[in-house]
C-alpha cells in the first residue's frame, strides 16, 4: 500500500500521510514552529516523498506533542503521533542523540508547550 518511510510510519501509527493536502493548518497551529527547522506540514511532505533527511530534522525533537496540529487537521491526521513515530524510527537506528549544548536556550515558551512537554516526559 505504502512505500519507504510512509510505510514505516503507517506501521507505527496507522496514519496515512498521503491524506495530507498541504493546507498548512498544522504549521499555523504549532506554538513551537518558529524554533523548528522544518514546519510540520513539510515534515509530512518529506515523508510522502520518502526523503529520509526528515529523520535528521530538529523538528522531530522540538515538537512538544501538544496536539494542536492533530486537533486542527482537516484531514484528521494525527501529526503529533507521526512526528513521534519519526523519533522512534531514529531511536531504533541507534542515532537518537540530542546534544543539549546544541539546543538553543529559549527565554519564553507558550504555556501549552510547557504543559505538553511535561506530559510527554512524565508519561
PDB file of N, CA and C in Angstrom:
ATOM      1  N   UNK A   1       0.826  -1.199   0.000  1.00  0.00           N
ATOM      2  CA  UNK A   1       0.000   0.000   0.000  1.00  0.00           C
ATOM      3  C   UNK A   1       0.871   1.264   0.000  1.00  0.00           C
ATOM      4  N   UNK A   2       1.803   1.344   0.959  1.00  0.00           N
ATOM      5  CA  UNK A   2       2.698   2.493   1.044  1.00  0.00           C
ATOM      6  C   UNK A   2       4.120   2.030   0.767  1.00  0.00           C
ATOM      7  N   UNK A   3       5.011   2.995   0.580  1.00  0.00           N
ATOM      8  CA  UNK A   3       6.410   2.670   0.337  1.00  0.00           C
ATOM      9  C   UNK A   3       7.304   3.414   1.316  1.00  0.00           C
ATOM     10  N   UNK A   4       8.465   2.848   1.560  1.00  0.00           N
ATOM     11  CA  UNK A   4       9.518   3.522   2.296  1.00  0.00           C
ATOM     12  C   UNK A   4       9.126   4.050   3.657  1.00  0.00           C
ATOM     13  N   UNK A   5       9.473   5.297   3.882  1.00  0.00           N
ATOM     14  CA  UNK A   5       9.244   5.934   5.176  1.00  0.00           C
ATOM     15  C   UNK A   5       7.757   6.015   5.516  1.00  0.00           C
ATOM     16  N   UNK A   6       6.924   6.272   4.537  1.00  0.00           N
ATOM     17  CA  UNK A   6       5.477   6.327   4.776  1.00  0.00           C
ATOM     18  C   UNK A   6       4.967   4.983   5.284  1.00  0.00           C
ATOM     19  N   UNK A   7       5.529   3.894   4.786  1.00  0.00           N
ATOM     20  CA  UNK A   7       5.143   2.552   5.247  1.00  0.00           C
ATOM     21  C   UNK A   7       5.558   2.349   6.701  1.00  0.00           C
ATOM     22  N   UNK A   8       6.784   2.751   7.043  1.00  0.00           N
ATOM     23  CA  UNK A   8       7.253   2.605   8.425  1.00  0.00           C
ATOM     24  C   UNK A   8       6.384   3.420   9.378  1.00  0.00           C
ATOM     25  N   UNK A   9       6.061   4.641   8.977  1.00  0.00           N
ATOM     26  CA  UNK A   9       5.206   5.496   9.804  1.00  0.00           C
ATOM     27  C   UNK A   9       3.829   4.861   9.956  1.00  0.00           C
ATOM     28  N   UNK A  10       3.299   4.331   8.878  1.00  0.00           N
ATOM     29  CA  UNK A  10       1.981   3.686   8.930  1.00  0.00           C
ATOM     30  C   UNK A  10       1.996   2.486   9.873  1.00  0.00           C
ATOM     31  N   UNK A  11       3.045   1.690   9.822  1.00  0.00           N
ATOM     32  CA  UNK A  11       3.158   0.520  10.696  1.00  0.00           C
ATOM     33  C   UNK A  11       3.180   0.916  12.166  1.00  0.00           C
ATOM     34  N   UNK A  12       3.796   2.047  12.474  1.00  0.00           N
ATOM     35  CA  UNK A  12       3.886   2.502  13.865  1.00  0.00           C
ATOM     36  C   UNK A  12       2.650   3.258  14.341  1.00  0.00           C
ATOM     37  N   UNK A  13       1.941   3.904  13.421  1.00  0.00           N
ATOM     38  CA  UNK A  13       0.874   4.825  13.834  1.00  0.00           C
ATOM     39  C   UNK A  13      -0.499   4.530  13.254  1.00  0.00           C
ATOM     40  N   UNK A  14      -0.539   3.757  12.194  1.00  0.00           N
ATOM     41  CA  UNK A  14      -1.784   3.537  11.447  1.00  0.00           C
ATOM     42  C   UNK A  14      -2.297   4.841  10.826  1.00  0.00           C
ATOM     43  N   UNK A  15      -1.391   5.781  10.573  1.00  0.00           N
ATOM     44  CA  UNK A  15      -1.734   7.074   9.973  1.00  0.00           C
ATOM     45  C   UNK A  15      -1.304   7.101   8.509  1.00  0.00           C
ATOM     46  N   UNK A  16      -2.206   7.530   7.655  1.00  0.00           N
ATOM     47  CA  UNK A  16      -1.947   7.635   6.223  1.00  0.00           C
ATOM     48  C   UNK A  16      -1.513   9.063   5.898  1.00  0.00           C
ATOM     49  N   UNK A  17      -0.216   9.264   5.754  1.00  0.00           N
ATOM     50  CA  UNK A  17       0.301  10.612   5.489  1.00  0.00           C
ATOM     51  C   UNK A  17      -0.077  11.114   4.101  1.00  0.00           C
ATOM     52  N   UNK A  18      -0.488  10.206   3.225  1.00  0.00           N
ATOM     53  CA  UNK A  18      -0.885  10.616   1.877  1.00  0.00           C
ATOM     54  C   UNK A  18      -2.228  11.338   1.859  1.00  0.00           C
ATOM     55  N   UNK A  19      -2.938  11.335   2.972  1.00  0.00           N
ATOM     56  CA  UNK A  19      -4.189  12.096   3.057  1.00  0.00           C
ATOM     57  C   UNK A  19      -3.933  13.598   3.141  1.00  0.00           C
ATOM     58  N   UNK A  20      -2.734  13.974   3.557  1.00  0.00           N
ATOM     59  CA  UNK A  20      -2.393  15.393   3.723  1.00  0.00           C
ATOM     60  C   UNK A  20      -2.372  16.101   2.380  1.00  0.00           C
ATOM     61  N   UNK A  21      -3.069  17.237   2.307  1.00  0.00           N
ATOM     62  CA  UNK A  21      -3.060  18.019   1.072  1.00  0.00           C
ATOM     63  C   UNK A  21      -2.318  19.352   1.248  1.00  0.00           C
ATOM     64  N   UNK A  22      -1.471  19.417   2.281  1.00  0.00           N
ATOM     65  CA  UNK A  22      -0.560  20.547   2.483  1.00  0.00           C
ATOM     66  C   UNK A  22      -1.264  21.886   2.676  1.00  0.00           C
ATOM     67  N   UNK A  23      -2.321  21.898   3.479  1.00  0.00           N
ATOM     68  CA  UNK A  23      -3.025  23.160   3.736  1.00  0.00           C
ATOM     69  C   UNK A  23      -2.235  24.070   4.673  1.00  0.00           C
ATOM     70  N   UNK A  24      -1.352  23.485   5.510  1.00  0.00           N
ATOM     71  CA  UNK A  24      -0.532  24.273   6.421  1.00  0.00           C
ATOM     72  C   UNK A  24      -1.181  24.591   7.753  1.00  0.00           C
ATOM     73  N   UNK A  25      -2.374  24.070   8.004  1.00  0.00           N
ATOM     74  CA  UNK A  25      -3.060  24.328   9.274  1.00  0.00           C
ATOM     75  C   UNK A  25      -2.222  23.851  10.456  1.00  0.00           C
ATOM     76  N   UNK A  26      -1.568  22.724  10.303  1.00  0.00           N
ATOM     77  CA  UNK A  26      -0.745  22.184  11.387  1.00  0.00           C
ATOM     78  C   UNK A  26       0.390  23.150  11.739  1.00  0.00           C
ATOM     79  N   UNK A  27       1.050  23.654  10.732  1.00  0.00           N
ATOM     80  CA  UNK A  27       2.159  24.583  10.967  1.00  0.00           C
ATOM     81  C   UNK A  27       1.668  25.893  11.559  1.00  0.00           C
ATOM     82  N   UNK A  28       0.521  26.357  11.109  1.00  0.00           N
ATOM     83  CA  UNK A  28      -0.057  27.587  11.644  1.00  0.00           C
ATOM     84  C   UNK A  28      -0.543  27.439  13.068  1.00  0.00           C
ATOM     85  N   UNK A  29      -0.794  26.204  13.505  1.00  0.00           N
ATOM     86  CA  UNK A  29      -1.300  25.935  14.850  1.00  0.00           C
ATOM     87  C   UNK A  29      -0.198  25.641  15.858  1.00  0.00           C
ATOM     88  N   UNK A  30       1.001  25.397  15.374  1.00  0.00           N
ATOM     89  CA  UNK A  30       2.093  24.944  16.238  1.00  0.00           C
ATOM     90  C   UNK A  30       2.708  26.098  17.029  1.00  0.00           C
ATOM     91  N   UNK A  31       2.733  25.983  18.378  1.00  0.00           N
ATOM     92  CA  UNK A  31       3.323  27.055  19.185  1.00  0.00           C
ATOM     93  C   UNK A  31       4.850  27.100  19.108  1.00  0.00           C
ATOM     94  N   UNK A  32       5.470  26.059  18.581  1.00  0.00           N
ATOM     95  CA  UNK A  32       6.934  25.997  18.522  1.00  0.00           C
ATOM     96  C   UNK A  32       7.479  26.066  17.101  1.00  0.00           C
ATOM     97  N   UNK A  33       6.626  26.357  16.135  1.00  0.00           N
ATOM     98  CA  UNK A  33       7.049  26.333  14.732  1.00  0.00           C
ATOM     99  C   UNK A  33       8.224  27.275  14.460  1.00  0.00           C
ATOM    100  N   UNK A  34       8.323  28.364  15.181  1.00  0.00           N
ATOM    101  CA  UNK A  34       9.429  29.307  14.961  1.00  0.00           C
ATOM    102  C   UNK A  34      10.782  28.745  15.386  1.00  0.00           C
ATOM    103  N   UNK A  35      10.772  27.692  16.189  1.00  0.00           N
ATOM    104  CA  UNK A  35      12.017  27.061  16.624  1.00  0.00           C
ATOM    105  C   UNK A  35      12.406  25.884  15.736  1.00  0.00           C
ATOM    106  N   UNK A  36      11.501  25.472  14.870  1.00  0.00           N
ATOM    107  CA  UNK A  36      11.709  24.288  14.041  1.00  0.00           C
ATOM    108  C   UNK A  36      12.466  24.629  12.763  1.00  0.00           C
ATOM    109  N   UNK A  37      13.267  23.682  12.303  1.00  0.00           N
ATOM    110  CA  UNK A  37      13.944  23.875  11.022  1.00  0.00           C
ATOM    111  C   UNK A  37      13.035  23.505   9.848  1.00  0.00           C
ATOM    112  N   UNK A  38      12.080  22.630  10.082  1.00  0.00           N
ATOM    113  CA  UNK A  38      11.118  22.227   9.059  1.00  0.00           C
ATOM    114  C   UNK A  38       9.731  22.264   9.695  1.00  0.00           C
ATOM    115  N   UNK A  39       8.796  23.035   9.158  1.00  0.00           N
ATOM    116  CA  UNK A  39       7.457  23.082   9.749  1.00  0.00           C
ATOM    117  C   UNK A  39       6.727  21.743   9.581  1.00  0.00           C
ATOM    118  N   UNK A  40       5.750  21.465  10.444  1.00  0.00           N
ATOM    119  CA  UNK A  40       5.066  20.165  10.423  1.00  0.00           C
ATOM    120  C   UNK A  40       4.505  19.747   9.064  1.00  0.00           C
ATOM    121  N   UNK A  41       3.909  20.663   8.319  1.00  0.00           N
ATOM    122  CA  UNK A  41       3.355  20.251   7.022  1.00  0.00           C
ATOM    123  C   UNK A  41       4.457  19.796   6.063  1.00  0.00           C
ATOM    124  N   UNK A  42       5.641  20.405   6.163  1.00  0.00           N
ATOM    125  CA  UNK A  42       6.748  19.979   5.309  1.00  0.00           C
ATOM    126  C   UNK A  42       7.336  18.648   5.771  1.00  0.00           C
ATOM    127  N   UNK A  43       7.256  18.376   7.073  1.00  0.00           N
ATOM    128  CA  UNK A  43       7.670  17.065   7.586  1.00  0.00           C
ATOM    129  C   UNK A  43       6.809  15.985   6.934  1.00  0.00           C
ATOM    130  N   UNK A  44       5.506  16.216   6.917  1.00  0.00           N
ATOM    131  CA  UNK A  44       4.590  15.252   6.304  1.00  0.00           C
ATOM    132  C   UNK A  44       4.917  15.083   4.819  1.00  0.00           C
ATOM    133  N   UNK A  45       5.185  16.188   4.134  1.00  0.00           N
ATOM    134  CA  UNK A  45       5.509  16.115   2.703  1.00  0.00           C
ATOM    135  C   UNK A  45       6.795  15.335   2.474  1.00  0.00           C
ATOM    136  N   UNK A  46       7.772  15.528   3.328  1.00  0.00           N
ATOM    137  CA  UNK A  46       9.031  14.798   3.188  1.00  0.00           C
ATOM    138  C   UNK A  46       8.817  13.299   3.376  1.00  0.00           C
ATOM    139  N   UNK A  47       7.921  12.930   4.283  1.00  0.00           N
ATOM    140  CA  UNK A  47       7.596  11.510   4.462  1.00  0.00           C
ATOM    141  C   UNK A  47       6.937  10.983   3.191  1.00  0.00           C
ATOM    142  N   UNK A  48       5.991  11.748   2.646  1.00  0.00           N
ATOM    143  CA  UNK A  48       5.318  11.341   1.412  1.00  0.00           C
ATOM    144  C   UNK A  48       6.316  11.091   0.282  1.00  0.00           C
ATOM    145  N   UNK A  49       7.352  11.900   0.227  1.00  0.00           N
ATOM    146  CA  UNK A  49       8.358  11.807  -0.840  1.00  0.00           C
ATOM    147  C   UNK A  49       9.530  10.890  -0.479  1.00  0.00           C
ATOM    148  N   UNK A  50       9.428  10.202   0.666  1.00  0.00           N
ATOM    149  CA  UNK A  50      10.465   9.296   1.150  1.00  0.00           C
ATOM    150  C   UNK A  50      11.822   9.989   1.281  1.00  0.00           C
ATOM    151  N   UNK A  51      11.792  11.228   1.740  1.00  0.00           N
ATOM    152  CA  UNK A  51      13.018  11.993   1.955  1.00  0.00           C
ATOM    153  C   UNK A  51      13.532  11.697   3.365  1.00  0.00           C
ATOM    154  N   UNK A  52      14.498  10.810   3.450  1.00  0.00           N
ATOM    155  CA  UNK A  52      14.990  10.338   4.741  1.00  0.00           C
ATOM    156  C   UNK A  52      15.686  11.419   5.550  1.00  0.00           C
ATOM    157  N   UNK A  53      16.032  12.536   4.926  1.00  0.00           N
ATOM    158  CA  UNK A  53      16.634  13.658   5.654  1.00  0.00           C
ATOM    159  C   UNK A  53      15.722  14.163   6.762  1.00  0.00           C
ATOM    160  N   UNK A  54      14.433  13.895   6.655  1.00  0.00           N
ATOM    161  CA  UNK A  54      13.498  14.342   7.688  1.00  0.00           C
ATOM    162  C   UNK A  54      13.868  13.743   9.045  1.00  0.00           C
ATOM    163  N   UNK A  55      14.515  12.597   9.039  1.00  0.00           N
ATOM    164  CA  UNK A  55      14.923  11.964  10.297  1.00  0.00           C
ATOM    165  C   UNK A  55      16.045  12.735  10.988  1.00  0.00           C
ATOM    166  N   UNK A  56      16.697  13.627  10.275  1.00  0.00           N
ATOM    167  CA  UNK A  56      17.758  14.453  10.855  1.00  0.00           C
ATOM    168  C   UNK A  56      17.273  15.841  11.245  1.00  0.00           C
ATOM    169  N   UNK A  57      16.001  16.096  11.066  1.00  0.00           N
ATOM    170  CA  UNK A  57      15.445  17.418  11.367  1.00  0.00           C
ATOM    171  C   UNK A  57      15.352  17.649  12.873  1.00  0.00           C
ATOM    172  N   UNK A  58      15.649  18.870  13.282  1.00  0.00           N
ATOM    173  CA  UNK A  58      15.481  19.249  14.690  1.00  0.00           C
ATOM    174  C   UNK A  58      14.010  19.215  15.080  1.00  0.00           C
ATOM    175  N   UNK A  59      13.155  19.413  14.105  1.00  0.00           N
ATOM    176  CA  UNK A  59      11.712  19.474  14.349  1.00  0.00           C
ATOM    177  C   UNK A  59      11.199  18.273  15.117  1.00  0.00           C
ATOM    178  N   UNK A  60      11.685  17.076  14.790  1.00  0.00           N
ATOM    179  CA  UNK A  60      11.130  15.889  15.448  1.00  0.00           C
ATOM    180  C   UNK A  60      11.454  15.850  16.937  1.00  0.00           C
ATOM    181  N   UNK A  61      12.474  16.594  17.350  1.00  0.00           N
ATOM    182  CA  UNK A  61      12.819  16.665  18.772  1.00  0.00           C
ATOM    183  C   UNK A  61      12.225  17.902  19.433  1.00  0.00           C
ATOM    184  N   UNK A  62      11.924  18.916  18.672  1.00  0.00           N
ATOM    185  CA  UNK A  62      11.350  20.146  19.227  1.00  0.00           C
ATOM    186  C   UNK A  62       9.853  20.004  19.479  1.00  0.00           C
ATOM    187  N   UNK A  63       9.181  19.204  18.663  1.00  0.00           N
ATOM    188  CA  UNK A  63       7.732  19.011  18.816  1.00  0.00           C
ATOM    189  C   UNK A  63       7.399  18.640  20.258  1.00  0.00           C
ATOM    190  N   UNK A  64       6.483  19.381  20.857  1.00  0.00           N
ATOM    191  CA  UNK A  64       6.096  19.163  22.253  1.00  0.00           C
ATOM    192  C   UNK A  64       4.905  18.219  22.389  1.00  0.00           C
ATOM    193  N   UNK A  65       4.421  17.689  21.295  1.00  0.00           N
ATOM    194  CA  UNK A  65       3.243  16.811  21.305  1.00  0.00           C
ATOM    195  C   UNK A  65       2.065  17.469  22.011  1.00  0.00           C
ATOM    196  N   UNK A  66       1.842  18.726  21.693  1.00  0.00           N
ATOM    197  CA  UNK A  66       0.722  19.459  22.303  1.00  0.00           C
ATOM    198  C   UNK A  66      -0.601  19.139  21.609  1.00  0.00           C
ATOM    199  N   UNK A  67      -0.534  18.525  20.455  1.00  0.00           N
ATOM    200  CA  UNK A  67      -1.692  18.073  19.671  1.00  0.00           C
ATOM    201  C   UNK A  67      -2.505  19.198  19.049  1.00  0.00           C
ATOM    202  N   UNK A  68      -1.994  20.421  19.027  1.00  0.00           N
ATOM    203  CA  UNK A  68      -2.687  21.494  18.300  1.00  0.00           C
ATOM    204  C   UNK A  68      -2.850  21.109  16.837  1.00  0.00           C
ATOM    205  N   UNK A  69      -1.791  20.588  16.254  1.00  0.00           N
ATOM    206  CA  UNK A  69      -1.817  20.210  14.836  1.00  0.00           C
ATOM    207  C   UNK A  69      -2.829  19.100  14.579  1.00  0.00           C
ATOM    208  N   UNK A  70      -2.828  18.124  15.457  1.00  0.00           N
ATOM    209  CA  UNK A  70      -3.722  16.976  15.305  1.00  0.00           C
ATOM    210  C   UNK A  70      -5.180  17.390  15.413  1.00  0.00           C
ATOM    211  N   UNK A  71      -5.484  18.199  16.401  1.00  0.00           N
ATOM    212  CA  UNK A  71      -6.868  18.622  16.633  1.00  0.00           C
ATOM    213  C   UNK A  71      -7.393  19.461  15.474  1.00  0.00           C
ATOM    214  N   UNK A  72      -6.518  20.249  14.873  1.00  0.00           N
ATOM    215  CA  UNK A  72      -6.964  21.175  13.826  1.00  0.00           C
ATOM    216  C   UNK A  72      -6.829  20.631  12.407  1.00  0.00           C
ATOM    217  N   UNK A  73      -6.223  19.481  12.240  1.00  0.00           N
ATOM    218  CA  UNK A  73      -6.013  18.936  10.899  1.00  0.00           C
ATOM    219  C   UNK A  73      -7.349  18.596  10.236  1.00  0.00           C
ATOM    220  N   UNK A  74      -7.656  19.231   9.093  1.00  0.00           N
ATOM    221  CA  UNK A  74      -8.926  18.956   8.422  1.00  0.00           C
ATOM    222  C   UNK A  74      -8.998  17.545   7.835  1.00  0.00           C
ATOM    223  N   UNK A  75      -7.853  16.892   7.688  1.00  0.00           N
ATOM    224  CA  UNK A  75      -7.814  15.524   7.157  1.00  0.00           C
ATOM    225  C   UNK A  75      -7.728  14.485   8.275  1.00  0.00           C
ATOM    226  N   UNK A  76      -7.763  14.974   9.531  1.00  0.00           N
ATOM    227  CA  UNK A  76      -7.752  14.128  10.733  1.00  0.00           C
ATOM    228  C   UNK A  76      -6.513  13.229  10.832  1.00  0.00           C
ATOM    229  N   UNK A  77      -5.387  13.769  10.409  1.00  0.00           N
ATOM    230  CA  UNK A  77      -4.116  13.058  10.560  1.00  0.00           C
ATOM    231  C   UNK A  77      -3.560  13.395  11.938  1.00  0.00           C
ATOM    232  N   UNK A  78      -3.146  12.392  12.676  1.00  0.00           N
ATOM    233  CA  UNK A  78      -2.543  12.616  13.990  1.00  0.00           C
ATOM    234  C   UNK A  78      -1.067  12.954  13.769  1.00  0.00           C
ATOM    235  N   UNK A  79      -0.821  14.208  13.485  1.00  0.00           N
ATOM    236  CA  UNK A  79       0.517  14.666  13.104  1.00  0.00           C
ATOM    237  C   UNK A  79       1.502  14.513  14.258  1.00  0.00           C
ATOM    238  N   UNK A  80       1.067  14.783  15.467  1.00  0.00           N
ATOM    239  CA  UNK A  80       1.951  14.619  16.628  1.00  0.00           C
ATOM    240  C   UNK A  80       2.400  13.163  16.747  1.00  0.00           C
ATOM    241  N   UNK A  81       1.497  12.258  16.472  1.00  0.00           N
ATOM    242  CA  UNK A  81       1.833  10.834  16.526  1.00  0.00           C
ATOM    243  C   UNK A  81       2.814  10.462  15.408  1.00  0.00           C
ATOM    244  N   UNK A  82       2.634  11.042  14.237  1.00  0.00           N
ATOM    245  CA  UNK A  82       3.547  10.798  13.118  1.00  0.00           C
ATOM    246  C   UNK A  82       4.951  11.285  13.473  1.00  0.00           C
ATOM    247  N   UNK A  83       5.036  12.469  14.055  1.00  0.00           N
ATOM    248  CA  UNK A  83       6.348  13.005  14.444  1.00  0.00           C
ATOM    249  C   UNK A  83       6.978  12.133  15.527  1.00  0.00           C
ATOM    250  N   UNK A  84       6.167  11.644  16.452  1.00  0.00           N
ATOM    251  CA  UNK A  84       6.673  10.732  17.472  1.00  0.00           C
ATOM    252  C   UNK A  84       7.196   9.441  16.829  1.00  0.00           C
ATOM    253  N   UNK A  85       6.526   8.982  15.785  1.00  0.00           N
ATOM    254  CA  UNK A  85       6.993   7.791  15.070  1.00  0.00           C
ATOM    255  C   UNK A  85       8.366   8.033  14.449  1.00  0.00           C
ATOM    256  N   UNK A  86       8.582   9.240  13.928  1.00  0.00           N
ATOM    257  CA  UNK A  86       9.901   9.565  13.371  1.00  0.00           C
ATOM    258  C   UNK A  86      10.977   9.502  14.448  1.00  0.00           C
ATOM    259  N   UNK A  87      10.640   9.972  15.652  1.00  0.00           N
ATOM    260  CA  UNK A  87      11.592   9.858  16.776  1.00  0.00           C
ATOM    261  C   UNK A  87      11.910   8.391  17.042  1.00  0.00           C
ATOM    262  N   UNK A  88      10.854   7.569  17.055  1.00  0.00           N
ATOM    263  CA  UNK A  88      11.042   6.140  17.318  1.00  0.00           C
ATOM    264  C   UNK A  88      11.898   5.478  16.244  1.00  0.00           C
ATOM    265  N   UNK A  89      11.664   5.821  14.993  1.00  0.00           N
ATOM    266  CA  UNK A  89      12.466   5.272  13.897  1.00  0.00           C
ATOM    267  C   UNK A  89      13.929   5.654  14.088  1.00  0.00           C
ATOM    268  N   UNK A  90      14.158   6.899  14.426  1.00  0.00           N
ATOM    269  CA  UNK A  90      15.524   7.387  14.652  1.00  0.00           C
ATOM    270  C   UNK A  90      16.174   6.651  15.832  1.00  0.00           C
ATOM    271  N   UNK A  91      15.422   6.483  16.919  1.00  0.00           N
ATOM    272  CA  UNK A  91      15.965   5.804  18.101  1.00  0.00           C
ATOM    273  C   UNK A  91      16.258   4.335  17.811  1.00  0.00           C
ATOM    274  N   UNK A  92      15.401   3.687  17.034  1.00  0.00           N
ATOM    275  CA  UNK A  92      15.629   2.281  16.689  1.00  0.00           C
ATOM    276  C   UNK A  92      16.881   2.098  15.854  1.00  0.00           C
ATOM    277  N   UNK A  93      17.266   3.128  15.136  1.00  0.00           N
ATOM    278  CA  UNK A  93      18.510   3.084  14.364  1.00  0.00           C
ATOM    279  C   UNK A  93      19.718   3.340  15.261  1.00  0.00           C
ATOM    280  N   UNK A  94      19.470   3.691  16.520  1.00  0.00           N
ATOM    281  CA  UNK A  94      20.552   3.993  17.449  1.00  0.00           C
ATOM    282  C   UNK A  94      21.190   5.343  17.203  1.00  0.00           C
ATOM    283  N   UNK A  95      20.458   6.224  16.534  1.00  0.00           N
ATOM    284  CA  UNK A  95      21.002   7.532  16.173  1.00  0.00           C
ATOM    285  C   UNK A  95      20.327   8.674  16.917  1.00  0.00           C
ATOM    286  N   UNK A  96      19.593   8.365  17.952  1.00  0.00           N
ATOM    287  CA  UNK A  96      18.821   9.401  18.648  1.00  0.00           C
ATOM    288  C   UNK A  96      19.686  10.115  19.671  1.00  0.00           C
ATOM    289  N   UNK A  97      20.540  10.942  19.188  1.00  0.00           N
ATOM    290  CA  UNK A  97      21.423  11.683  20.074  1.00  0.00           C
ATOM    291  C   UNK A  97      21.003  13.145  20.054  1.00  0.00           C
ATOM    292  N   UNK A  98      20.609  13.632  21.199  1.00  0.00           N
ATOM    293  CA  UNK A  98      20.260  15.037  21.328  1.00  0.00           C
ATOM    294  C   UNK A  98      21.320  15.668  22.218  1.00  0.00           C
ATOM    295  N   UNK A  99      22.144  16.481  21.631  1.00  0.00           N
ATOM    296  CA  UNK A  99      23.190  17.177  22.367  1.00  0.00           C
ATOM    297  C   UNK A  99      22.579  18.440  22.967  1.00  0.00           C
ATOM    298  N   UNK A 100      22.359  18.420  24.271  1.00  0.00           N
ATOM    299  CA  UNK A 100      21.683  19.530  24.931  1.00  0.00           C
ATOM    300  C   UNK A 100      22.444  20.846  24.797  1.00  0.00           C
ATOM    301  N   UNK A 101      23.738  20.771  24.570  1.00  0.00           N
ATOM    302  CA  UNK A 101      24.507  22.008  24.376  1.00  0.00           C
ATOM    303  C   UNK A 101      24.157  22.680  23.050  1.00  0.00           C
ATOM    304  N   UNK A 102      23.609  21.919  22.108  1.00  0.00           N
ATOM    305  CA  UNK A 102      23.263  22.468  20.794  1.00  0.00           C
ATOM    306  C   UNK A 102      21.816  22.948  20.730  1.00  0.00           C
ATOM    307  N   UNK A 103      21.056  22.684  21.782  1.00  0.00           N
ATOM    308  CA  UNK A 103      19.669  23.140  21.819  1.00  0.00           C
ATOM    309  C   UNK A 103      19.668  24.583  22.302  1.00  0.00           C
ATOM    310  N   UNK A 104      19.123  25.493  21.520  1.00  0.00           N
ATOM    311  CA  UNK A 104      19.152  26.902  21.928  1.00  0.00           C
ATOM    312  C   UNK A 104      18.312  27.140  23.175  1.00  0.00           C
ATOM    313  N   UNK A 105      18.805  28.033  24.011  1.00  0.00           N
ATOM    314  CA  UNK A 105      18.017  28.412  25.180  1.00  0.00           C
ATOM    315  C   UNK A 105      16.840  29.244  24.716  1.00  0.00           C
ATOM    316  N   UNK A 106      15.715  28.937  25.284  1.00  0.00           N
ATOM    317  CA  UNK A 106      14.507  29.671  24.929  1.00  0.00           C
ATOM    318  C   UNK A 106      14.071  30.433  26.169  1.00  0.00           C
ATOM    319  N   UNK A 107      14.001  31.726  26.038  1.00  0.00           N
ATOM    320  CA  UNK A 107      13.637  32.561  27.172  1.00  0.00           C
ATOM    321  C   UNK A 107      12.184  32.439  27.560  1.00  0.00           C
ATOM    322  N   UNK A 108      11.332  32.199  26.591  1.00  0.00           N
ATOM    323  CA  UNK A 108       9.907  32.151  26.877  1.00  0.00           C
ATOM    324  C   UNK A 108       9.252  31.120  25.966  1.00  0.00           C
ATOM    325  N   UNK A 109       8.477  30.242  26.566  1.00  0.00           N
ATOM    326  CA  UNK A 109       7.740  29.242  25.803  1.00  0.00           C
ATOM    327  C   UNK A 109       6.250  29.423  26.042  1.00  0.00           C
ATOM    328  N   UNK A 110       5.438  29.123  25.052  1.00  0.00           N
ATOM    329  CA  UNK A 110       3.995  29.167  25.288  1.00  0.00           C
ATOM    330  C   UNK A 110       3.610  28.170  26.382  1.00  0.00           C
ATOM    331  N   UNK A 111       2.668  28.541  27.213  1.00  0.00           N
ATOM    332  CA  UNK A 111       2.260  27.693  28.329  1.00  0.00           C
ATOM    333  C   UNK A 111       1.834  26.310  27.849  1.00  0.00           C
ATOM    334  N   UNK A 112       1.121  26.249  26.743  1.00  0.00           N
ATOM    335  CA  UNK A 112       0.671  24.975  26.208  1.00  0.00           C
ATOM    336  C   UNK A 112       1.848  24.066  25.874  1.00  0.00           C
ATOM    337  N   UNK A 113       2.912  24.633  25.365  1.00  0.00           N
ATOM    338  CA  UNK A 113       4.093  23.841  25.031  1.00  0.00           C
ATOM    339  C   UNK A 113       4.740  23.273  26.290  1.00  0.00           C
ATOM    340  N   UNK A 114       4.784  24.054  27.355  1.00  0.00           N
ATOM    341  CA  UNK A 114       5.352  23.571  28.617  1.00  0.00           C
ATOM    342  C   UNK A 114       4.520  22.438  29.202  1.00  0.00           C
ATOM    343  N   UNK A 115       3.212  22.586  29.164  1.00  0.00           N
ATOM    344  CA  UNK A 115       2.319  21.540  29.679  1.00  0.00           C
ATOM    345  C   UNK A 115       2.490  20.265  28.857  1.00  0.00           C
ATOM    346  N   UNK A 116       2.514  20.406  27.544  1.00  0.00           N
ATOM    347  CA  UNK A 116       2.660  19.243  26.675  1.00  0.00           C
ATOM    348  C   UNK A 116       4.009  18.563  26.881  1.00  0.00           C
ATOM    349  N   UNK A 117       5.059  19.345  27.022  1.00  0.00           N
ATOM    350  CA  UNK A 117       6.386  18.776  27.235  1.00  0.00           C
ATOM    351  C   UNK A 117       6.454  18.032  28.560  1.00  0.00           C
ATOM    352  N   UNK A 118       5.865  18.584  29.605  1.00  0.00           N
ATOM    353  CA  UNK A 118       5.880  17.893  30.895  1.00  0.00           C
ATOM    354  C   UNK A 118       5.051  16.619  30.827  1.00  0.00           C
ATOM    355  N   UNK A 119       3.942  16.647  30.082  1.00  0.00           N
ATOM    356  CA  UNK A 119       3.110  15.452  29.916  1.00  0.00           C
ATOM    357  C   UNK A 119       3.905  14.361  29.200  1.00  0.00           C
ATOM    358  N   UNK A 120       4.665  14.765  28.198  1.00  0.00           N
ATOM    359  CA  UNK A 120       5.451  13.804  27.431  1.00  0.00           C
ATOM    360  C   UNK A 120       6.535  13.179  28.307  1.00  0.00           C
ATOM    361  N   UNK A 121       7.191  13.991  29.123  1.00  0.00           N
ATOM    362  CA  UNK A 121       8.282  13.499  29.956  1.00  0.00           C
ATOM    363  C   UNK A 121       7.805  12.656  31.125  1.00  0.00           C
ATOM    364  N   UNK A 122       6.604  12.939  31.622  1.00  0.00           N
ATOM    365  CA  UNK A 122       6.082  12.212  32.778  1.00  0.00           C
ATOM    366  C   UNK A 122       5.277  10.976  32.389  1.00  0.00           C
ATOM    367  N   UNK A 123       5.034  10.822  31.101  1.00  0.00           N
ATOM    368  CA  UNK A 123       4.307   9.638  30.622  1.00  0.00           C
ATOM    369  C   UNK A 123       2.893   9.844  30.743  1.00  0.00           C
TER     370      UNK A 123
END
